[in-house]
Amino acid sequence: MNLEEIRQEIDQVDRSIVQLLEKRMDLVTQVTAYKKETGKAVLDKDREMQLLQKVAKNVQNPVYEATILATYQDIMKHSRAFQSERLQSQEESL
C-alpha cells in the first residue's frame, strides 16, 4: 500500500471515529441530564477506573495500550468539561 492509500484509509477510520464520538456525546448529554436531576457529581472516579480497565482488556496489541488509555483519559476529561459547562449554563439560565 502506498502513502496515499494509507491516508485514505485513515480518513475513513477518522470519519467513523467522529460518528462514534458524536454518538458518545449524545449519551454524555443524557448522563448530564440524569446527574442534574439526581444531584450526582460530574466526576465518578470508580466509573472511570472501571472504564479504563475495560478499555485495557479490549486492546489487542499491547504496543498500543498506553496510547489508547491516554486517549480515553482525554475523552473522559473533555466529557467531564462538557458536562460541567452544560450544568453551569443550565443553572445560569434559571
Protein backbone atom coordinates (compact mmCIF):
# COMPACT_ATOMS: atom_id res chain seq x y z
CA MET A 1 0.00 0.00 0.00
CA ASN A 2 1.34 3.46 -0.83
CA LEU A 3 1.15 6.52 1.42
CA GLU A 4 -1.90 7.98 -0.32
CA GLU A 5 -3.84 4.72 0.09
CA ILE A 6 -2.89 4.54 3.76
CA ARG A 7 -4.03 8.13 4.27
CA GLN A 8 -7.35 7.40 2.56
CA GLU A 9 -7.91 4.50 4.96
CA ILE A 10 -7.03 6.75 7.88
CA ASP A 11 -9.59 9.29 6.60
CA GLN A 12 -12.25 6.55 6.52
CA VAL A 13 -11.39 5.48 10.07
CA ASP A 14 -11.47 9.12 11.19
CA ARG A 15 -14.98 9.57 9.77
CA SER A 16 -16.10 6.51 11.73
CA ILE A 17 -14.43 7.79 14.90
CA VAL A 18 -16.18 11.17 14.57
CA GLN A 19 -19.57 9.47 14.16
CA LEU A 20 -18.94 7.31 17.22
CA LEU A 21 -17.72 10.28 19.27
CA GLU A 22 -20.87 12.20 18.37
CA LYS A 23 -22.97 9.24 19.47
CA ARG A 24 -20.94 9.09 22.69
CA MET A 25 -21.54 12.81 23.29
CA ASP A 26 -25.29 12.31 22.74
CA LEU A 27 -25.14 9.78 25.56
CA VAL A 28 -22.99 12.09 27.70
CA THR A 29 -25.72 14.70 27.26
CA GLN A 30 -28.24 12.20 28.63
CA VAL A 31 -25.90 11.43 31.54
CA THR A 32 -25.66 15.17 32.22
CA ALA A 33 -29.45 15.47 32.42
CA TYR A 34 -29.60 12.48 34.78
CA LYS A 35 -26.88 13.92 37.01
CA LYS A 36 -28.69 17.26 37.13
CA GLU A 37 -31.96 15.59 38.16
CA THR A 38 -30.32 13.41 40.81
CA GLY A 39 -27.68 15.83 42.06
CA LYS A 40 -24.87 13.43 41.20
CA ALA A 41 -21.36 14.77 40.78
CA VAL A 42 -19.82 15.08 37.33
CA LEU A 43 -16.73 13.09 38.32
CA ASP A 44 -17.23 9.42 39.13
CA LYS A 45 -13.73 8.06 39.76
CA ASP A 46 -14.90 4.48 40.20
CA ARG A 47 -16.74 4.52 36.87
CA GLU A 48 -13.71 5.99 35.11
CA MET A 49 -11.39 3.36 36.59
CA GLN A 50 -13.76 0.60 35.51
CA LEU A 51 -13.95 2.03 32.01
CA LEU A 52 -10.16 2.24 31.71
CA GLN A 53 -9.84 -1.36 32.88
CA LYS A 54 -12.37 -2.46 30.22
CA VAL A 55 -10.53 -0.49 27.56
CA ALA A 56 -7.20 -2.05 28.53
CA LYS A 57 -8.74 -5.52 28.28
CA ASN A 58 -10.10 -4.73 24.80
CA VAL A 59 -6.77 -3.61 23.38
CA GLN A 60 -5.47 -6.46 21.27
CA ASN A 61 -1.99 -5.13 20.51
CA PRO A 62 -0.19 -4.35 23.79
CA VAL A 63 2.08 -1.88 22.00
CA TYR A 64 -0.94 0.43 21.63
CA GLU A 65 -2.32 0.07 25.18
CA ALA A 66 -0.73 3.16 26.78
CA THR A 67 -1.68 5.39 23.85
CA ILE A 68 -5.26 4.12 23.74
CA LEU A 69 -5.66 4.51 27.50
CA ALA A 70 -4.32 8.07 27.30
CA THR A 71 -6.79 8.78 24.51
CA TYR A 72 -9.67 7.53 26.65
CA GLN A 73 -8.50 9.57 29.61
CA ASP A 74 -8.56 12.62 27.35
CA ILE A 75 -12.05 11.73 26.07
CA MET A 76 -13.29 11.44 29.66
CA LYS A 77 -11.63 14.74 30.63
CA HIS A 78 -13.40 16.53 27.79
CA SER A 79 -16.68 14.76 28.58
CA ARG A 80 -16.45 15.98 32.18
CA ALA A 81 -15.72 19.52 30.97
CA PHE A 82 -18.73 19.35 28.62
CA GLN A 83 -20.95 18.14 31.47
CA SER A 84 -19.72 20.88 33.80
CA GLU A 85 -20.27 23.55 31.16
CA ARG A 86 -23.78 22.28 30.41
CA LEU A 87 -24.71 22.12 34.09
CA GLN A 88 -23.30 25.58 34.72
CA SER A 89 -25.09 27.13 31.73
CA GLN A 90 -28.36 25.49 32.77
CA GLU A 91 -28.00 26.90 36.29
CA GLU A 92 -27.24 30.37 34.93
CA SER A 93 -30.35 30.32 32.75
CA LEU A 94 -32.59 29.68 35.77
